[in-house]
């Protein structure tokens, strides 16, 4: 039996809040709360796959210290847009 899409969204939001490092808790929970409501099942699967990556790698990708792998690049770019101030100084 497959999980209902709304249940998947709620589960992924919870996983986004409970990461290994506080910075990723803040970055991902903020992103998940505002973006996942508009995601279809395929996009949710990509996000879930991203959550399997280590927090250190995620932080490096979101902060621009390292390029994200191609399958995650568009998603990481979207996450990074909302992470200003958490990964780098606020834009002026």
PDB file of N, CA and C in Angstrom:
ATOM      1  N   UNK A   1       0.841  -1.172   0.000  1.00  0.00           N
ATOM      2  CA  UNK A   1       0.000   0.000   0.000  1.00  0.00           C
ATOM      3  C   UNK A   1       0.893   1.245   0.000  1.00  0.00           C
ATOM      4  N   UNK A   2       0.564   2.188  -0.855  1.00  0.00           N
ATOM      5  CA  UNK A   2       1.356   3.408  -0.898  1.00  0.00           C
ATOM      6  C   UNK A   2       0.775   4.451   0.050  1.00  0.00           C
ATOM      7  N   UNK A   3       1.645   5.281   0.522  1.00  0.00           N
ATOM      8  CA  UNK A   3       1.277   6.324   1.464  1.00  0.00           C
ATOM      9  C   UNK A   3       0.518   7.431   0.731  1.00  0.00           C
ATOM     10  N   UNK A   4      -0.508   7.984   1.340  1.00  0.00           N
ATOM     11  CA  UNK A   4      -1.238   9.113   0.763  1.00  0.00           C
ATOM     12  C   UNK A   4      -0.291  10.303   0.638  1.00  0.00           C
ATOM     13  N   UNK A   5      -0.475  11.095  -0.417  1.00  0.00           N
ATOM     14  CA  UNK A   5       0.459  12.192  -0.690  1.00  0.00           C
ATOM     15  C   UNK A   5       0.502  13.201   0.459  1.00  0.00           C
ATOM     16  N   UNK A   6      -0.622  13.478   1.090  1.00  0.00           N
ATOM     17  CA  UNK A   6      -0.625  14.426   2.208  1.00  0.00           C
ATOM     18  C   UNK A   6       0.140  13.863   3.404  1.00  0.00           C
ATOM     19  N   UNK A   7       0.042  12.581   3.625  1.00  0.00           N
ATOM     20  CA  UNK A   7       0.811  11.934   4.692  1.00  0.00           C
ATOM     21  C   UNK A   7       2.300  12.015   4.388  1.00  0.00           C
ATOM     22  N   UNK A   8       2.657  11.825   3.129  1.00  0.00           N
ATOM     23  CA  UNK A   8       4.060  11.945   2.715  1.00  0.00           C
ATOM     24  C   UNK A   8       4.566  13.348   2.979  1.00  0.00           C
ATOM     25  N   UNK A   9       3.791  14.355   2.603  1.00  0.00           N
ATOM     26  CA  UNK A   9       4.197  15.749   2.844  1.00  0.00           C
ATOM     27  C   UNK A   9       4.449  15.990   4.331  1.00  0.00           C
ATOM     28  N   UNK A  10       3.527  15.566   5.165  1.00  0.00           N
ATOM     29  CA  UNK A  10       3.674  15.776   6.615  1.00  0.00           C
ATOM     30  C   UNK A  10       4.915  15.062   7.155  1.00  0.00           C
ATOM     31  N   UNK A  11       5.145  13.863   6.683  1.00  0.00           N
ATOM     32  CA  UNK A  11       6.316  13.099   7.134  1.00  0.00           C
ATOM     33  C   UNK A  11       7.607  13.804   6.719  1.00  0.00           C
ATOM     34  N   UNK A  12       7.642  14.318   5.490  1.00  0.00           N
ATOM     35  CA  UNK A  12       8.847  14.996   5.007  1.00  0.00           C
ATOM     36  C   UNK A  12       9.072  16.321   5.723  1.00  0.00           C
ATOM     37  N   UNK A  13       8.004  17.014   6.058  1.00  0.00           N
ATOM     38  CA  UNK A  13       8.151  18.244   6.843  1.00  0.00           C
ATOM     39  C   UNK A  13       8.756  17.904   8.205  1.00  0.00           C
ATOM     40  N   UNK A  14       8.282  16.851   8.827  1.00  0.00           N
ATOM     41  CA  UNK A  14       8.825  16.435  10.125  1.00  0.00           C
ATOM     42  C   UNK A  14      10.303  16.040   9.994  1.00  0.00           C
ATOM     43  N   UNK A  15      10.636  15.297   8.961  1.00  0.00           N
ATOM     44  CA  UNK A  15      12.046  14.911   8.748  1.00  0.00           C
ATOM     45  C   UNK A  15      12.916  16.135   8.500  1.00  0.00           C
ATOM     46  N   UNK A  16      12.348  17.163   7.883  1.00  0.00           N
ATOM     47  CA  UNK A  16      13.099  18.387   7.609  1.00  0.00           C
ATOM     48  C   UNK A  16      13.422  19.144   8.890  1.00  0.00           C
ATOM     49  N   UNK A  17      12.582  18.993   9.896  1.00  0.00           N
ATOM     50  CA  UNK A  17      12.775  19.693  11.173  1.00  0.00           C
ATOM     51  C   UNK A  17      13.764  18.989  12.080  1.00  0.00           C
ATOM     52  N   UNK A  18      13.987  17.726  11.854  1.00  0.00           N
ATOM     53  CA  UNK A  18      14.805  16.920  12.772  1.00  0.00           C
ATOM     54  C   UNK A  18      16.035  16.378  12.057  1.00  0.00           C
ATOM     55  N   UNK A  19      16.946  17.289  11.782  1.00  0.00           N
ATOM     56  CA  UNK A  19      18.177  16.940  11.093  1.00  0.00           C
ATOM     57  C   UNK A  19      19.295  16.784  12.117  1.00  0.00           C
ATOM     58  N   UNK A  20      20.506  16.646  11.644  1.00  0.00           N
ATOM     59  CA  UNK A  20      21.637  16.489  12.549  1.00  0.00           C
ATOM     60  C   UNK A  20      22.217  17.797  13.038  1.00  0.00           C
ATOM     61  N   UNK A  21      22.125  18.848  12.221  1.00  0.00           N
ATOM     62  CA  UNK A  21      22.670  20.138  12.634  1.00  0.00           C
ATOM     63  C   UNK A  21      21.572  21.199  12.562  1.00  0.00           C
ATOM     64  N   UNK A  22      21.633  22.143  13.484  1.00  0.00           N
ATOM     65  CA  UNK A  22      20.575  23.150  13.634  1.00  0.00           C
ATOM     66  C   UNK A  22      20.373  23.962  12.361  1.00  0.00           C
ATOM     67  N   UNK A  23      21.464  24.312  11.684  1.00  0.00           N
ATOM     68  CA  UNK A  23      21.336  25.105  10.459  1.00  0.00           C
ATOM     69  C   UNK A  23      20.448  24.401   9.438  1.00  0.00           C
ATOM     70  N   UNK A  24      20.651  23.104   9.275  1.00  0.00           N
ATOM     71  CA  UNK A  24      19.835  22.377   8.299  1.00  0.00           C
ATOM     72  C   UNK A  24      18.405  22.208   8.798  1.00  0.00           C
ATOM     73  N   UNK A  25      18.206  22.095  10.115  1.00  0.00           N
ATOM     74  CA  UNK A  25      16.841  22.092  10.665  1.00  0.00           C
ATOM     75  C   UNK A  25      16.108  23.354  10.213  1.00  0.00           C
ATOM     76  N   UNK A  26      16.748  24.495  10.401  1.00  0.00           N
ATOM     77  CA  UNK A  26      16.128  25.778  10.069  1.00  0.00           C
ATOM     78  C   UNK A  26      15.907  25.931   8.571  1.00  0.00           C
ATOM     79  N   UNK A  27      16.928  25.629   7.796  1.00  0.00           N
ATOM     80  CA  UNK A  27      16.845  25.795   6.345  1.00  0.00           C
ATOM     81  C   UNK A  27      15.777  24.883   5.756  1.00  0.00           C
ATOM     82  N   UNK A  28      15.847  23.605   6.085  1.00  0.00           N
ATOM     83  CA  UNK A  28      14.936  22.640   5.463  1.00  0.00           C
ATOM     84  C   UNK A  28      13.518  22.737   6.000  1.00  0.00           C
ATOM     85  N   UNK A  29      13.344  23.015   7.287  1.00  0.00           N
ATOM     86  CA  UNK A  29      11.975  23.122   7.801  1.00  0.00           C
ATOM     87  C   UNK A  29      11.276  24.341   7.213  1.00  0.00           C
ATOM     88  N   UNK A  30      11.990  25.437   7.056  1.00  0.00           N
ATOM     89  CA  UNK A  30      11.425  26.630   6.424  1.00  0.00           C
ATOM     90  C   UNK A  30      11.031  26.319   4.982  1.00  0.00           C
ATOM     91  N   UNK A  31      11.929  25.703   4.247  1.00  0.00           N
ATOM     92  CA  UNK A  31      11.645  25.354   2.860  1.00  0.00           C
ATOM     93  C   UNK A  31      10.462  24.394   2.760  1.00  0.00           C
ATOM     94  N   UNK A  32      10.492  23.329   3.532  1.00  0.00           N
ATOM     95  CA  UNK A  32       9.441  22.305   3.452  1.00  0.00           C
ATOM     96  C   UNK A  32       8.077  22.889   3.790  1.00  0.00           C
ATOM     97  N   UNK A  33       8.021  23.735   4.793  1.00  0.00           N
ATOM     98  CA  UNK A  33       6.745  24.322   5.207  1.00  0.00           C
ATOM     99  C   UNK A  33       6.125  25.185   4.118  1.00  0.00           C
ATOM    100  N   UNK A  34       6.959  25.858   3.342  1.00  0.00           N
ATOM    101  CA  UNK A  34       6.397  26.737   2.317  1.00  0.00           C
ATOM    102  C   UNK A  34       6.291  26.085   0.945  1.00  0.00           C
ATOM    103  N   UNK A  35       7.070  25.065   0.651  1.00  0.00           N
ATOM    104  CA  UNK A  35       7.138  24.557  -0.724  1.00  0.00           C
ATOM    105  C   UNK A  35       6.465  23.212  -0.963  1.00  0.00           C
ATOM    106  N   UNK A  36       6.485  22.332   0.000  1.00  0.00           N
ATOM    107  CA  UNK A  36       6.038  20.961  -0.268  1.00  0.00           C
ATOM    108  C   UNK A  36       4.553  20.851  -0.592  1.00  0.00           C
ATOM    109  N   UNK A  37       3.753  21.798  -0.170  1.00  0.00           N
ATOM    110  CA  UNK A  37       2.316  21.750  -0.469  1.00  0.00           C
ATOM    111  C   UNK A  37       2.059  21.742  -1.973  1.00  0.00           C
ATOM    112  N   UNK A  38       2.954  22.338  -2.741  1.00  0.00           N
ATOM    113  CA  UNK A  38       2.789  22.389  -4.188  1.00  0.00           C
ATOM    114  C   UNK A  38       3.486  21.270  -4.940  1.00  0.00           C
ATOM    115  N   UNK A  39       4.096  20.348  -4.232  1.00  0.00           N
ATOM    116  CA  UNK A  39       4.858  19.273  -4.876  1.00  0.00           C
ATOM    117  C   UNK A  39       3.974  18.073  -5.187  1.00  0.00           C
ATOM    118  N   UNK A  40       4.191  17.497  -6.358  1.00  0.00           N
ATOM    119  CA  UNK A  40       3.517  16.244  -6.703  1.00  0.00           C
ATOM    120  C   UNK A  40       4.353  15.077  -6.173  1.00  0.00           C
ATOM    121  N   UNK A  41       3.885  13.862  -6.406  1.00  0.00           N
ATOM    122  CA  UNK A  41       4.555  12.674  -5.863  1.00  0.00           C
ATOM    123  C   UNK A  41       5.995  12.543  -6.351  1.00  0.00           C
ATOM    124  N   UNK A  42       6.251  12.857  -7.615  1.00  0.00           N
ATOM    125  CA  UNK A  42       7.618  12.747  -8.143  1.00  0.00           C
ATOM    126  C   UNK A  42       8.554  13.750  -7.477  1.00  0.00           C
ATOM    127  N   UNK A  43       8.093  14.986  -7.328  1.00  0.00           N
ATOM    128  CA  UNK A  43       8.919  16.011  -6.685  1.00  0.00           C
ATOM    129  C   UNK A  43       9.158  15.674  -5.213  1.00  0.00           C
ATOM    130  N   UNK A  44       8.143  15.128  -4.559  1.00  0.00           N
ATOM    131  CA  UNK A  44       8.317  14.707  -3.166  1.00  0.00           C
ATOM    132  C   UNK A  44       9.355  13.600  -3.054  1.00  0.00           C
ATOM    133  N   UNK A  45       9.402  12.717  -4.039  1.00  0.00           N
ATOM    134  CA  UNK A  45      10.395  11.638  -4.014  1.00  0.00           C
ATOM    135  C   UNK A  45      11.809  12.196  -4.148  1.00  0.00           C
ATOM    136  N   UNK A  46      11.993  13.191  -5.010  1.00  0.00           N
ATOM    137  CA  UNK A  46      13.312  13.817  -5.146  1.00  0.00           C
ATOM    138  C   UNK A  46      13.702  14.479  -3.822  1.00  0.00           C
ATOM    139  N   UNK A  47      12.757  15.168  -3.194  1.00  0.00           N
ATOM    140  CA  UNK A  47      13.039  15.799  -1.906  1.00  0.00           C
ATOM    141  C   UNK A  47      13.389  14.748  -0.848  1.00  0.00           C
ATOM    142  N   UNK A  48      12.647  13.660  -0.835  1.00  0.00           N
ATOM    143  CA  UNK A  48      12.946  12.587   0.122  1.00  0.00           C
ATOM    144  C   UNK A  48      14.337  12.004  -0.131  1.00  0.00           C
ATOM    145  N   UNK A  49      14.694  11.824  -1.386  1.00  0.00           N
ATOM    146  CA  UNK A  49      16.038  11.340  -1.722  1.00  0.00           C
ATOM    147  C   UNK A  49      17.099  12.323  -1.233  1.00  0.00           C
ATOM    148  N   UNK A  50      16.824  13.616  -1.375  1.00  0.00           N
ATOM    149  CA  UNK A  50      17.756  14.635  -0.901  1.00  0.00           C
ATOM    150  C   UNK A  50      17.952  14.524   0.613  1.00  0.00           C
ATOM    151  N   UNK A  51      16.885  14.251   1.334  1.00  0.00           N
ATOM    152  CA  UNK A  51      16.978  14.139   2.792  1.00  0.00           C
ATOM    153  C   UNK A  51      17.834  12.962   3.241  1.00  0.00           C
ATOM    154  N   UNK A  52      18.092  12.030   2.360  1.00  0.00           N
ATOM    155  CA  UNK A  52      18.958  10.891   2.686  1.00  0.00           C
ATOM    156  C   UNK A  52      20.437  11.283   2.696  1.00  0.00           C
ATOM    157  N   UNK A  53      20.763  12.426   2.122  1.00  0.00           N
ATOM    158  CA  UNK A  53      22.150  12.890   2.069  1.00  0.00           C
ATOM    159  C   UNK A  53      22.566  13.426   3.439  1.00  0.00           C
ATOM    160  N   UNK A  54      23.865  13.486   3.667  1.00  0.00           N
ATOM    161  CA  UNK A  54      24.372  13.969   4.958  1.00  0.00           C
ATOM    162  C   UNK A  54      24.134  15.473   5.100  1.00  0.00           C
ATOM    163  N   UNK A  55      23.961  15.907   6.342  1.00  0.00           N
ATOM    164  CA  UNK A  55      23.759  17.326   6.600  1.00  0.00           C
ATOM    165  C   UNK A  55      24.943  18.159   6.137  1.00  0.00           C
ATOM    166  N   UNK A  56      26.134  17.654   6.321  1.00  0.00           N
ATOM    167  CA  UNK A  56      27.315  18.401   5.899  1.00  0.00           C
ATOM    168  C   UNK A  56      27.301  18.627   4.392  1.00  0.00           C
ATOM    169  N   UNK A  57      26.990  17.590   3.623  1.00  0.00           N
ATOM    170  CA  UNK A  57      26.896  17.758   2.171  1.00  0.00           C
ATOM    171  C   UNK A  57      25.775  18.728   1.809  1.00  0.00           C
ATOM    172  N   UNK A  58      24.617  18.558   2.427  1.00  0.00           N
ATOM    173  CA  UNK A  58      23.493  19.456   2.146  1.00  0.00           C
ATOM    174  C   UNK A  58      23.866  20.902   2.424  1.00  0.00           C
ATOM    175  N   UNK A  59      24.508  21.146   3.552  1.00  0.00           N
ATOM    176  CA  UNK A  59      24.894  22.514   3.898  1.00  0.00           C
ATOM    177  C   UNK A  59      25.875  23.077   2.873  1.00  0.00           C
ATOM    178  N   UNK A  60      26.834  22.285   2.471  1.00  0.00           N
ATOM    179  CA  UNK A  60      27.801  22.744   1.462  1.00  0.00           C
ATOM    180  C   UNK A  60      27.105  23.080   0.148  1.00  0.00           C
ATOM    181  N   UNK A  61      26.137  22.258  -0.250  1.00  0.00           N
ATOM    182  CA  UNK A  61      25.420  22.513  -1.503  1.00  0.00           C
ATOM    183  C   UNK A  61      24.557  23.760  -1.402  1.00  0.00           C
ATOM    184  N   UNK A  62      23.803  23.881  -0.319  1.00  0.00           N
ATOM    185  CA  UNK A  62      22.886  25.011  -0.157  1.00  0.00           C
ATOM    186  C   UNK A  62      23.654  26.319  -0.004  1.00  0.00           C
ATOM    187  N   UNK A  63      24.796  26.278   0.657  1.00  0.00           N
ATOM    188  CA  UNK A  63      25.586  27.492   0.873  1.00  0.00           C
ATOM    189  C   UNK A  63      26.477  27.835  -0.313  1.00  0.00           C
ATOM    190  N   UNK A  64      26.507  26.984  -1.319  1.00  0.00           N
ATOM    191  CA  UNK A  64      27.313  27.254  -2.503  1.00  0.00           C
ATOM    192  C   UNK A  64      28.779  26.910  -2.349  1.00  0.00           C
ATOM    193  N   UNK A  65      29.143  26.227  -1.286  1.00  0.00           N
ATOM    194  CA  UNK A  65      30.533  25.828  -1.089  1.00  0.00           C
ATOM    195  C   UNK A  65      30.932  24.703  -2.028  1.00  0.00           C
ATOM    196  N   UNK A  66      29.939  23.941  -2.464  1.00  0.00           N
ATOM    197  CA  UNK A  66      30.144  22.822  -3.383  1.00  0.00           C
ATOM    198  C   UNK A  66      28.937  22.753  -4.304  1.00  0.00           C
ATOM    199  N   UNK A  67      29.159  22.285  -5.515  1.00  0.00           N
ATOM    200  CA  UNK A  67      28.038  22.096  -6.442  1.00  0.00           C
ATOM    201  C   UNK A  67      27.242  20.860  -6.032  1.00  0.00           C
ATOM    202  N   UNK A  68      25.932  20.983  -6.100  1.00  0.00           N
ATOM    203  CA  UNK A  68      25.065  19.834  -5.808  1.00  0.00           C
ATOM    204  C   UNK A  68      25.100  18.864  -6.979  1.00  0.00           C
ATOM    205  N   UNK A  69      24.935  17.578  -6.727  1.00  0.00           N
ATOM    206  CA  UNK A  69      24.838  16.612  -7.822  1.00  0.00           C
ATOM    207  C   UNK A  69      23.671  16.982  -8.745  1.00  0.00           C
ATOM    208  N   UNK A  70      23.821  16.683 -10.008  1.00  0.00           N
ATOM    209  CA  UNK A  70      22.838  17.075 -11.022  1.00  0.00           C
ATOM    210  C   UNK A  70      21.389  16.746 -10.662  1.00  0.00           C
ATOM    211  N   UNK A  71      21.084  15.551 -10.141  1.00  0.00           N
ATOM    212  CA  UNK A  71      19.673  15.264  -9.847  1.00  0.00           C
ATOM    213  C   UNK A  71      19.062  16.197  -8.793  1.00  0.00           C
ATOM    214  N   UNK A  72      19.917  16.775  -7.945  1.00  0.00           N
ATOM    215  CA  UNK A  72      19.430  17.638  -6.870  1.00  0.00           C
ATOM    216  C   UNK A  72      19.627  19.127  -7.150  1.00  0.00           C
ATOM    217  N   UNK A  73      20.351  19.485  -8.190  1.00  0.00           N
ATOM    218  CA  UNK A  73      20.735  20.879  -8.414  1.00  0.00           C
ATOM    219  C   UNK A  73      19.553  21.852  -8.438  1.00  0.00           C
ATOM    220  N   UNK A  74      18.481  21.588  -9.193  1.00  0.00           N
ATOM    221  CA  UNK A  74      17.359  22.548  -9.187  1.00  0.00           C
ATOM    222  C   UNK A  74      16.700  22.682  -7.811  1.00  0.00           C
ATOM    223  N   UNK A  75      16.542  21.577  -7.125  1.00  0.00           N
ATOM    224  CA  UNK A  75      15.935  21.596  -5.797  1.00  0.00           C
ATOM    225  C   UNK A  75      16.819  22.347  -4.809  1.00  0.00           C
ATOM    226  N   UNK A  76      18.105  22.087  -4.839  1.00  0.00           N
ATOM    227  CA  UNK A  76      19.040  22.776  -3.941  1.00  0.00           C
ATOM    228  C   UNK A  76      19.035  24.275  -4.226  1.00  0.00           C
ATOM    229  N   UNK A  77      18.940  24.665  -5.493  1.00  0.00           N
ATOM    230  CA  UNK A  77      18.868  26.088  -5.842  1.00  0.00           C
ATOM    231  C   UNK A  77      17.621  26.728  -5.235  1.00  0.00           C
ATOM    232  N   UNK A  78      16.493  26.034  -5.275  1.00  0.00           N
ATOM    233  CA  UNK A  78      15.263  26.551  -4.662  1.00  0.00           C
ATOM    234  C   UNK A  78      15.407  26.676  -3.151  1.00  0.00           C
ATOM    235  N   UNK A  79      16.013  25.692  -2.539  1.00  0.00           N
ATOM    236  CA  UNK A  79      16.219  25.730  -1.087  1.00  0.00           C
ATOM    237  C   UNK A  79      17.141  26.894  -0.728  1.00  0.00           C
ATOM    238  N   UNK A  80      18.195  27.088  -1.500  1.00  0.00           N
ATOM    239  CA  UNK A  80      19.175  28.144  -1.222  1.00  0.00           C
ATOM    240  C   UNK A  80      18.554  29.535  -1.292  1.00  0.00           C
ATOM    241  N   UNK A  81      17.566  29.726  -2.157  1.00  0.00           N
ATOM    242  CA  UNK A  81      16.913  31.039  -2.267  1.00  0.00           C
ATOM    243  C   UNK A  81      16.326  31.484  -0.939  1.00  0.00           C
ATOM    244  N   UNK A  82      15.803  30.554  -0.177  1.00  0.00           N
ATOM    245  CA  UNK A  82      15.202  30.892   1.108  1.00  0.00           C
ATOM    246  C   UNK A  82      16.159  30.816   2.277  1.00  0.00           C
ATOM    247  N   UNK A  83      17.406  30.513   2.012  1.00  0.00           N
ATOM    248  CA  UNK A  83      18.373  30.306   3.092  1.00  0.00           C
ATOM    249  C   UNK A  83      19.294  31.492   3.312  1.00  0.00           C
ATOM    250  N   UNK A  84      19.064  32.609   2.634  1.00  0.00           N
ATOM    251  CA  UNK A  84      19.905  33.787   2.820  1.00  0.00           C
ATOM    252  C   UNK A  84      19.893  34.189   4.287  1.00  0.00           C
ATOM    253  N   UNK A  85      21.062  34.431   4.818  1.00  0.00           N
ATOM    254  CA  UNK A  85      21.190  34.780   6.227  1.00  0.00           C
ATOM    255  C   UNK A  85      21.511  33.578   7.097  1.00  0.00           C
ATOM    256  N   UNK A  86      21.167  32.403   6.624  1.00  0.00           N
ATOM    257  CA  UNK A  86      21.507  31.184   7.353  1.00  0.00           C
ATOM    258  C   UNK A  86      22.782  30.562   6.801  1.00  0.00           C
ATOM    259  N   UNK A  87      23.081  30.850   5.539  1.00  0.00           N
ATOM    260  CA  UNK A  87      24.278  30.288   4.921  1.00  0.00           C
ATOM    261  C   UNK A  87      25.256  31.363   4.476  1.00  0.00           C
ATOM    262  N   UNK A  88      24.773  32.592   4.386  1.00  0.00           N
ATOM    263  CA  UNK A  88      25.616  33.700   3.946  1.00  0.00           C
ATOM    264  C   UNK A  88      24.967  34.999   4.420  1.00  0.00           C
ATOM    265  N   UNK A  89      25.694  36.107   4.415  1.00  0.00           N
ATOM    266  CA  UNK A  89      25.095  37.367   4.874  1.00  0.00           C
ATOM    267  C   UNK A  89      23.889  37.742   4.014  1.00  0.00           C
ATOM    268  N   UNK A  90      22.976  38.479   4.619  1.00  0.00           N
ATOM    269  CA  UNK A  90      21.802  38.948   3.882  1.00  0.00           C
ATOM    270  C   UNK A  90      22.232  39.790   2.690  1.00  0.00           C
ATOM    271  N   UNK A  91      21.519  39.640   1.597  1.00  0.00           N
ATOM    272  CA  UNK A  91      21.774  40.464   0.416  1.00  0.00           C
ATOM    273  C   UNK A  91      21.355  41.896   0.734  1.00  0.00           C
ATOM    274  N   UNK A  92      22.093  42.844   0.207  1.00  0.00           N
ATOM    275  CA  UNK A  92      21.749  44.249   0.455  1.00  0.00           C
ATOM    276  C   UNK A  92      21.173  44.890  -0.760  1.00  0.00           C
TER     277      UNK A  92
END
